[in-house]
Protein backbone atom coordinates (compact mmCIF):
# COMPACT_ATOMS: atom_id res chain seq x y z
CA UNK A 1 83.67 81.48 183.77
CA UNK A 2 82.54 84.23 182.16
CA UNK A 3 78.92 85.66 181.59
CA UNK A 4 77.25 88.75 179.56
CA UNK A 5 75.06 90.02 182.68
CA UNK A 6 72.90 93.07 182.21
CA UNK A 7 71.75 95.53 185.07
CA UNK A 8 67.84 96.23 184.28
CA UNK A 9 68.21 99.14 186.51
CA UNK A 10 70.98 100.93 184.83
CA UNK A 11 71.10 99.14 181.58
CA UNK A 12 74.89 98.63 182.39
CA UNK A 13 76.44 95.48 180.31
CA UNK A 14 79.40 93.49 181.92
CA UNK A 15 81.30 90.53 181.21
CA UNK A 16 81.40 89.22 184.95
CA UNK A 17 83.27 86.39 186.51
CA UNK A 18 80.50 84.02 188.14
CA UNK A 19 80.51 80.31 189.48
CA UNK A 20 80.55 77.53 187.18
CA UNK A 21 77.11 75.88 187.12
CA UNK A 22 76.59 72.75 189.07
CA UNK A 23 75.13 70.05 187.29
CA UNK A 24 71.53 68.89 188.70
CA UNK A 25 68.89 65.87 187.76
CA UNK A 26 67.84 66.12 184.03
CA UNK A 27 70.04 68.64 183.09
CA UNK A 28 73.38 69.35 180.73
CA UNK A 29 76.31 70.87 181.57
CA UNK A 30 77.85 72.43 178.02
CA UNK A 31 81.19 74.22 177.17
CA UNK A 32 79.74 76.85 174.57
CA UNK A 33 81.54 77.03 171.24
CA UNK A 34 79.13 79.65 169.98
CA UNK A 35 76.51 81.89 171.21
CA UNK A 36 74.04 84.27 168.80
CA UNK A 37 73.64 87.67 169.68
CA UNK A 38 69.46 87.74 168.76
CA UNK A 39 70.15 91.15 167.62
CA UNK A 40 66.15 92.13 167.99
CA UNK A 41 65.24 90.70 171.24
CA UNK A 42 68.96 91.92 172.84
CA UNK A 43 68.55 95.20 171.24
CA UNK A 44 65.01 95.86 172.73
CA UNK A 45 66.22 94.64 176.33
CA UNK A 46 68.95 96.96 176.31
CA UNK A 47 67.09 99.69 175.25
CA UNK A 48 64.44 99.83 177.73
CA UNK A 49 66.75 98.61 180.80
CA UNK A 50 68.86 102.15 179.76
CA UNK A 51 65.33 104.14 180.43
CA UNK A 52 64.17 105.89 182.95
CA UNK A 53 61.72 104.70 185.50
CA UNK A 54 58.87 106.35 183.77
CA UNK A 55 59.68 105.22 180.58
CA UNK A 56 60.20 101.71 181.88
CA UNK A 57 57.01 101.63 183.64
CA UNK A 58 55.41 103.11 180.16
CA UNK A 59 57.23 100.17 177.81
CA UNK A 60 56.29 97.62 180.38
CA UNK A 61 52.54 98.09 181.69
CA UNK A 62 51.70 94.79 182.75
CA UNK A 63 54.72 94.80 185.45
CA UNK A 64 53.64 98.18 186.23
CA UNK A 65 50.32 97.05 187.46
CA UNK A 66 51.76 94.32 189.40
CA UNK A 67 53.71 96.98 191.32
CA UNK A 68 50.48 98.96 191.87
CA UNK A 69 48.67 95.94 192.92
CA UNK A 70 51.33 95.24 195.07
CA UNK A 71 51.48 98.46 196.68
CA UNK A 72 47.82 98.23 197.75
CA UNK A 73 48.49 95.24 199.67
CA UNK A 74 51.68 96.24 201.54
CA UNK A 75 51.92 99.76 200.85
CA UNK A 76 54.00 102.17 198.43
CA UNK A 77 57.35 101.93 200.12
CA UNK A 78 57.48 97.99 200.46
CA UNK A 79 56.65 97.93 196.66
CA UNK A 80 59.26 100.33 195.33
CA UNK A 81 61.99 98.26 197.31
CA UNK A 82 60.39 95.22 195.76
CA UNK A 83 60.61 96.97 192.28
CA UNK A 84 63.63 98.35 192.61
CA UNK A 85 65.49 94.89 194.05
CA UNK A 86 64.01 93.04 190.78
CA UNK A 87 65.19 95.66 188.83
CA UNK A 88 69.02 94.97 190.13
CA UNK A 89 68.68 91.30 189.44
CA UNK A 90 71.40 90.56 186.96
CA UNK A 91 69.79 89.19 183.83
CA UNK A 92 72.08 86.97 181.69
CA UNK A 93 71.58 87.85 177.98
CA UNK A 94 71.23 85.42 175.30
CA UNK A 95 69.28 82.20 174.36
CA UNK A 96 70.53 80.36 171.16
CA UNK A 97 74.00 78.66 171.60
CA UNK A 98 76.00 75.27 170.61
CA UNK A 99 78.67 73.41 172.34
CA UNK A 100 80.20 70.27 173.79
CA UNK A 101 78.51 68.18 176.61
CA UNK A 102 81.07 68.33 179.59
CA UNK A 103 78.80 66.32 182.01
CA UNK A 104 75.05 65.30 182.32
CA UNK A 105 72.57 64.65 185.24
CA UNK A 106 70.68 61.77 186.44
CA UNK A 107 68.49 60.86 184.22
CA UNK A 108 69.15 62.33 180.98
CA UNK A 109 68.97 59.50 178.62
CA UNK A 110 69.65 60.75 174.92
CA UNK A 111 72.49 62.92 175.75
CA UNK A 112 76.14 62.22 176.83
CA UNK A 113 79.20 63.78 177.49
CA UNK A 114 81.17 64.37 175.09
CA UNK A 115 78.58 64.90 172.49
CA UNK A 116 77.94 67.83 170.20
CA UNK A 117 74.74 70.23 170.87
CA UNK A 118 72.70 73.41 170.06
CA UNK A 119 70.95 74.67 172.95
CA UNK A 120 68.32 76.97 173.13
CA UNK A 121 66.28 79.01 176.10
CA UNK A 122 66.55 82.62 177.56
CA UNK A 123 68.39 81.77 181.09
CA UNK A 124 70.12 78.78 179.97
CA UNK A 125 71.50 79.15 176.64
CA UNK A 126 73.42 82.62 177.65
CA UNK A 127 76.04 84.16 176.30
CA UNK A 128 78.45 82.19 178.61
CA UNK A 129 81.63 80.08 178.81
CA UNK A 130 79.44 77.14 180.41
CA UNK A 131 75.62 76.60 180.62
CA UNK A 132 73.27 74.34 182.05
CA UNK A 133 70.43 73.65 180.24
CA UNK A 134 67.46 70.90 180.27
CA UNK A 135 67.78 68.09 178.25
CA UNK A 136 64.41 69.22 176.28
CA UNK A 137 66.33 71.82 175.21
CA UNK A 138 69.63 70.47 173.71
CA UNK A 139 69.79 68.35 170.36
CA UNK A 140 72.36 66.77 168.79
CA UNK A 141 74.35 68.32 166.22
CA UNK A 142 74.77 66.07 163.15
CA UNK A 143 78.60 65.92 162.50
CA UNK A 144 78.77 67.46 159.25
CA UNK A 145 76.90 70.57 160.69
CA UNK A 146 79.56 73.42 162.24
CA UNK A 147 78.95 74.53 165.35
CA UNK A 148 79.01 78.11 163.88
CA UNK A 149 75.81 77.15 162.32
CA UNK A 150 74.47 75.09 165.16
CA UNK A 151 74.10 78.16 167.34
CA UNK A 152 71.76 79.62 165.06
CA UNK A 153 69.41 76.39 165.78
CA UNK A 154 66.40 78.46 167.79
CA UNK A 155 66.32 81.12 165.60
CA UNK A 156 66.06 78.88 162.93
CA UNK A 157 62.99 77.07 165.23
CA UNK A 158 61.51 80.36 165.50
CA UNK A 159 61.71 80.57 161.91
CA UNK A 160 60.15 76.92 161.34
CA UNK A 161 57.59 77.20 163.63
CA UNK A 162 56.26 80.64 162.05
CA UNK A 163 56.04 78.21 158.73
CA UNK A 164 54.35 75.43 160.84
CA UNK A 165 51.37 78.25 162.18
CA UNK A 166 51.13 79.34 158.32
CA UNK A 167 50.48 76.02 157.33
CA UNK A 168 51.62 75.75 154.32
CA UNK A 169 51.65 73.07 151.39
CA UNK A 170 53.99 72.22 148.54
CA UNK A 171 53.84 74.66 145.59
CA UNK A 172 51.87 77.78 147.55
CA UNK A 173 53.38 80.93 147.21
CA UNK A 174 54.25 82.62 150.38
CA UNK A 175 55.51 86.38 151.51
CA UNK A 176 58.29 87.16 154.16
CA UNK A 177 57.51 90.76 155.26
CA UNK A 178 61.26 91.70 156.81
CA UNK A 179 64.69 90.12 155.78
CA UNK A 180 66.75 90.38 158.47
CA UNK A 181 68.01 86.98 159.76
CA UNK A 182 64.87 85.56 161.37
CA UNK A 183 63.48 86.61 158.03
CA UNK A 184 66.72 84.83 155.66
CA UNK A 185 65.89 81.61 157.67
CA UNK A 186 61.90 81.69 156.90
CA UNK A 187 62.96 82.01 152.77
CA UNK A 188 65.57 79.51 152.91
CA UNK A 189 62.96 76.90 154.73
CA UNK A 190 60.07 78.06 152.53
CA UNK A 191 62.00 76.77 149.74
CA UNK A 192 63.31 73.54 151.19
CA UNK A 193 59.44 72.89 151.82
CA UNK A 194 58.36 73.05 148.11
CA UNK A 195 57.37 76.90 148.55
CA UNK A 196 57.82 80.02 146.25
CA UNK A 197 59.09 82.92 148.04
CA UNK A 198 58.20 86.52 147.88
CA UNK A 199 60.98 88.44 149.78
CA UNK A 200 59.69 91.94 151.25
CA UNK A 201 62.17 94.48 153.23
CA UNK A 202 62.90 98.24 152.39
CA UNK A 203 66.96 97.64 152.48
CA UNK A 204 68.23 96.73 149.28
CA UNK A 205 71.21 94.76 151.07
CA UNK A 206 68.74 92.17 152.45
CA UNK A 207 66.45 91.96 149.76
CA UNK A 208 70.01 91.25 147.85
CA UNK A 209 71.04 88.66 150.18
CA UNK A 210 67.53 86.94 149.93
CA UNK A 211 67.66 86.69 146.03
CA UNK A 212 71.15 84.81 146.36
CA UNK A 213 69.45 82.78 149.46
CA UNK A 214 66.64 81.45 146.83
CA UNK A 215 63.83 83.61 147.12
CA UNK A 216 61.98 83.68 143.81
CA UNK A 217 61.03 87.34 143.78
CA UNK A 218 62.04 89.92 145.91
CA UNK A 219 60.36 93.60 146.41
CA UNK A 220 61.04 97.07 147.80
CA UNK A 221 57.36 97.79 149.25
CA UNK A 222 57.32 101.24 147.74
CA UNK A 223 58.93 100.42 143.83
CA UNK A 224 55.98 102.16 141.64
CA UNK A 225 55.18 98.68 140.35
CA UNK A 226 55.05 96.55 143.66
CA UNK A 227 51.37 95.78 143.40
CA UNK A 228 51.75 94.58 139.77
CA UNK A 229 54.74 92.22 140.11
CA UNK A 230 52.54 91.01 143.03
CA UNK A 231 49.65 90.25 141.18
CA UNK A 232 51.96 88.94 138.02
CA UNK A 233 53.67 86.26 140.12
CA UNK A 234 50.40 85.28 141.64
CA UNK A 235 48.16 85.14 138.64
CA UNK A 236 46.47 87.92 139.89
CA UNK A 237 45.44 85.94 142.71
CA UNK A 238 47.75 87.31 145.79
CA UNK A 239 49.82 85.02 148.06
CA UNK A 240 48.74 82.22 150.15
CA UNK A 241 50.24 83.24 153.06
CA UNK A 242 52.32 86.10 154.36
CA UNK A 243 54.89 85.77 157.40
CA UNK A 244 55.52 88.84 159.07
CA UNK A 245 59.32 88.47 160.29
CA UNK A 246 60.11 92.58 160.60
CA UNK A 247 60.88 94.04 163.75
CA UNK A 248 59.22 97.44 163.91
CA UNK A 249 57.26 99.80 166.05
CA UNK A 250 54.73 100.63 163.07
CA UNK A 251 51.62 98.85 161.71
CA UNK A 252 52.91 98.91 158.07
CA UNK A 253 53.66 95.09 158.05
CA UNK A 254 49.75 94.48 158.82
CA UNK A 255 48.80 97.46 156.51
CA UNK A 256 50.44 95.92 153.59
CA UNK A 257 49.30 92.16 154.04
CA UNK A 258 45.89 92.68 152.84
CA UNK A 259 47.08 94.39 149.84
CA UNK A 260 49.26 91.43 148.85
CA UNK A 261 46.55 88.21 149.73
CA UNK A 262 44.83 86.15 148.22
CA UNK A 263 40.97 85.64 149.63
CA UNK A 264 41.29 83.14 152.83
CA UNK A 265 44.82 83.68 153.00
CA UNK A 266 47.05 83.65 156.01
CA UNK A 267 49.18 86.15 157.86
CA UNK A 268 51.46 85.05 160.81
CA UNK A 269 53.15 87.56 163.03
CA UNK A 270 56.41 85.65 163.92
CA UNK A 271 58.40 88.91 164.38
CA UNK A 272 57.27 92.11 166.44
CA UNK A 273 55.23 94.80 164.58
CA UNK A 274 52.05 96.97 166.21
CA UNK A 275 48.99 94.75 165.66
CA UNK A 276 46.59 97.01 164.62
CA UNK A 277 44.70 97.13 161.13
CA UNK A 278 41.72 98.59 159.36
CA UNK A 279 38.63 96.05 159.84
CA UNK A 280 37.76 96.45 156.20
CA UNK A 281 40.17 94.86 154.16
CA UNK A 282 40.96 91.90 156.31
CA UNK A 283 36.96 91.09 156.63
CA UNK A 284 36.33 91.61 152.40
CA UNK A 285 39.13 88.65 152.16
CA UNK A 286 38.43 87.08 154.99
CA UNK A 287 41.67 86.86 156.32
CA UNK A 288 43.14 85.02 159.18
CA UNK A 289 45.61 86.47 161.52
CA UNK A 290 47.72 83.97 163.60
CA UNK A 291 50.56 84.74 166.04
CA UNK A 292 53.55 82.31 166.02
CA UNK A 293 55.05 81.56 169.93
CA UNK A 294 58.68 81.15 170.01
CA UNK A 295 60.00 77.99 168.90
CA UNK A 296 57.06 75.40 169.36
CA UNK A 297 54.96 73.66 171.55
CA UNK A 298 56.54 73.33 174.99
CA UNK A 299 57.83 76.76 175.01
CA UNK A 300 57.26 78.49 178.23
CA UNK A 301 55.74 75.01 180.13
CA UNK A 302 57.90 73.83 182.94
CA UNK A 303 56.40 70.26 183.12
CA UNK A 304 58.22 70.15 179.30
CA UNK A 305 61.19 72.19 179.48
CA UNK A 306 62.16 71.95 183.26
CA UNK A 307 61.26 68.66 184.19
CA UNK A 308 62.04 66.73 180.98
CA UNK A 309 57.93 65.65 180.42
CA UNK A 310 57.83 65.26 176.53
CA UNK A 311 54.41 65.56 174.55
CA UNK A 312 53.48 62.02 173.12
CA UNK A 313 54.82 62.62 169.29
CA UNK A 314 50.78 61.21 168.10
CA UNK A 315 49.50 63.92 169.72
CA UNK A 316 52.12 66.74 169.15
CA UNK A 317 54.10 66.07 166.46
CA UNK A 318 56.48 68.85 166.51
CA UNK A 319 57.71 69.80 170.00
CA UNK A 320 60.09 72.62 170.16
CA UNK A 321 62.89 70.05 170.51
CA UNK A 322 61.63 68.22 167.47
CA UNK A 323 61.75 71.59 165.75
CA UNK A 324 65.56 72.10 166.54
CA UNK A 325 66.45 68.91 165.19
CA UNK A 326 64.76 69.51 162.32
CA UNK A 327 66.40 72.90 161.43
CA UNK A 328 69.68 70.73 162.02
CA UNK A 329 68.63 68.10 159.82
CA UNK A 330 68.08 70.92 157.30
CA UNK A 331 71.20 72.53 157.85
CA UNK A 332 72.95 68.49 157.22
CA UNK A 333 71.14 68.10 154.44
CA UNK A 334 72.31 71.67 153.03
CA UNK A 335 69.31 73.07 152.64
CA UNK A 336 69.67 75.78 154.98
CA UNK A 337 72.82 77.71 154.51
CA UNK A 338 73.76 79.51 157.25
CA UNK A 339 77.19 80.66 155.99
CA UNK A 340 76.23 83.99 154.09
CA UNK A 341 74.26 84.84 157.18
CA UNK A 342 77.13 85.39 159.78
CA UNK A 343 78.59 88.55 159.72
CA UNK A 344 80.35 89.07 162.93
CA UNK A 345 82.53 87.02 165.39
CA UNK A 346 83.54 88.26 169.14
CA UNK A 347 85.24 87.13 171.95
CA UNK A 348 83.11 87.28 174.86
CA UNK A 349 85.63 89.90 176.27
CA UNK A 350 84.65 92.34 173.40
CA UNK A 351 81.15 92.14 174.42
CA UNK A 352 81.19 95.94 174.42
CA UNK A 353 81.73 96.35 170.72
CA UNK A 354 79.55 93.73 169.84
CA UNK A 355 76.38 95.50 171.49
CA UNK A 356 77.59 98.76 170.28
CA UNK A 357 77.45 97.67 167.13
CA UNK A 358 73.95 96.45 167.60
CA UNK A 359 72.67 99.51 169.11
CA UNK A 360 73.98 101.58 165.94
CA UNK A 361 76.73 103.16 167.80
CA UNK A 362 79.32 102.09 165.38
CA UNK A 363 77.04 102.58 161.88
CA UNK A 364 78.49 99.06 160.89
CA UNK A 365 76.10 96.66 158.88
CA UNK A 366 75.51 93.48 160.53
CA UNK A 367 73.34 90.43 160.35
CA UNK A 368 74.14 87.36 162.28
CA UNK A 369 76.54 88.06 165.12
CA UNK A 370 78.21 85.43 167.08
CA UNK A 371 80.30 84.81 170.11
CA UNK A 372 82.82 82.73 170.04
CA UNK A 373 84.56 80.89 173.17
CA UNK A 374 87.51 78.89 173.94
CA UNK A 375 86.07 74.93 174.25
CA UNK A 376 89.53 73.89 175.63
CA UNK A 377 89.73 75.60 178.47
CA UNK A 378 89.42 74.20 181.69
CA UNK A 379 86.54 74.87 184.35
CA UNK A 380 86.56 73.81 187.78
CA UNK A 381 85.98 76.79 189.75
CA UNK A 382 82.81 76.85 191.78
CA UNK A 383 83.51 79.69 194.03
CA UNK A 384 83.99 83.16 193.94
CA UNK A 385 85.70 85.67 196.81
CA UNK A 386 84.31 88.81 197.25
CA UNK A 387 86.88 89.70 199.50
CA UNK A 388 90.32 89.13 197.41
CA UNK A 389 92.08 87.77 200.75
CA UNK A 390 89.48 85.18 201.70
CA UNK A 391 89.81 81.18 200.82
CA UNK A 392 87.56 78.87 201.93
CA UNK A 393 89.78 77.65 204.42
CA UNK A 394 90.24 81.09 206.09
CA UNK A 395 86.09 81.89 205.64
CA UNK A 396 85.96 78.38 207.89
CA UNK A 397 88.21 80.13 210.83
CA UNK A 398 86.23 83.32 211.12
CA UNK A 399 85.72 84.60 214.83
CA UNK A 400 83.67 82.05 216.79
CA UNK A 401 82.35 85.09 219.01
CA UNK A 402 80.09 86.54 215.88
CA UNK A 403 77.59 84.71 214.23
CA UNK A 404 78.76 83.15 211.12
CA UNK A 405 75.69 82.98 208.46
CA UNK A 406 75.80 81.33 204.67
CA UNK A 407 72.57 81.16 202.86
CA UNK A 408 71.65 78.85 200.21
CA UNK A 409 68.87 80.00 198.34
CA UNK A 410 69.13 84.05 197.26
CA UNK A 411 65.33 84.17 196.02
CA UNK A 412 63.04 86.86 196.68
CA UNK A 413 62.08 86.13 200.25
CA UNK A 414 65.73 85.86 201.06
CA UNK A 415 66.29 89.27 199.44
CA UNK A 416 63.66 91.11 201.01
CA UNK A 417 62.96 89.97 204.28
CA UNK A 418 66.14 88.01 205.43
CA UNK A 419 69.07 89.47 204.13
CA UNK A 420 68.03 93.06 204.71
CA UNK A 421 67.49 92.58 208.63
CA UNK A 422 71.00 90.90 209.18
CA UNK A 423 72.71 93.92 208.40
CA UNK A 424 73.91 94.49 212.30
CA UNK A 425 76.96 94.18 213.89
CA UNK A 426 77.97 90.97 215.00
CA UNK A 427 76.64 88.85 212.28
CA UNK A 428 79.47 88.00 209.46
CA UNK A 429 77.62 86.81 205.93
CA UNK A 430 80.35 83.84 204.70
CA UNK A 431 78.93 82.84 201.58
CA UNK A 432 75.70 82.34 199.75
CA UNK A 433 74.77 79.69 197.06
CA UNK A 434 72.43 80.11 194.72
CA UNK A 435 71.32 77.81 190.82
CA UNK A 436 72.08 81.08 189.35
CA UNK A 437 75.61 82.31 189.73
CA UNK A 438 75.42 85.61 188.82
CA UNK A 439 72.35 86.08 191.31
CA UNK A 440 74.60 84.99 194.04
CA UNK A 441 77.48 86.88 193.35
CA UNK A 442 75.20 90.02 193.00
CA UNK A 443 73.79 89.23 196.63
CA UNK A 444 77.31 88.61 197.68
CA UNK A 445 78.12 92.20 196.67
CA UNK A 446 75.04 93.82 197.61
CA UNK A 447 74.84 92.12 201.20
CA UNK A 448 78.92 92.20 202.06
CA UNK A 449 79.01 88.35 201.93
CA UNK A 450 82.83 87.62 201.92
């Protein structure tokens, strides 16, 4: 099957042929129909990957500290080798997709083969023809919701979780700063929640789209009567909540927020902005600043995501899966319209064209960008032969006078300690298997497996 892979050392993007995942307990095997490019997240990842080693260290200070600590324990050379090895690990891109269930693992109860599902999770809902996803990161798609729309469910859940963090009430006035795809979804969900919405952006086209999608007031922050129009719309009180969905390296959203907020308003950061603001205006209005963590409770908890242990609904009403289901329900009820938000669809083989656009190389405007897959295609091959002349049978007939070695698992220990020491005459490295097909293929290429 095909999968989009990034080399974090060089920044190179490739469409690789990798083994089809093998079903496991608690997991769901899905044939992707569509996957969504998260423009902000993936652009940032690609830009960091293409930086020099020094620039990478500056942009990832926490990771650099870990390498320094490792150097103190194991020496500079070992720390350098470890860092290079991890940078060379293939990184699948994408975290939001939708498709058809091909197979379910033991213990999966709510999903069966043939179901239409929306999928979430970095490393799971990737830009791949076939994906393997934990049950708690899958949600059934209502019959009247197109899979194109469903592929945006994860991003919709991020928007919804930001709204939940803002703790909005019916009739409240909420400002959304940043009207990219995430901001547009936030605007529509707020309207469905009974709020009045002010959309703010520096892009006139996005301002126009937000108005078409239901925003009550849309503004460019630099218009001369900006403050007056906010004051007039809120009867002089200011907005009840501000949700920042912008992607910027500046702190301008945090400078703008207190100017339009009422006393004790809530400010929620969903996007990416520099968290740097003056104390005085925030103190004077006693503003609350909150961060929204991805798509809801359960995110980054392996007990929930990987082992399938759900949170009791009486204690945690809205988990990430229940947020996904709520977004799909809004789509089904026509309260969340994805159609005007999708601007481009690409085949996976045209991935480089898609990312050239995302990176601004083509100067083409875009918003929602999808990869489209052939769900009728048959996928059965779980072996990739690095040596084109080799087959399973010829591999098994290799010379018995040599030591023939196969690896199950290509983790850090195997790559740093075992494999480098097997590079000598008399050892045939035959095959390597790993739950990450792209990693298995990368290791096979690097160490000369057949």
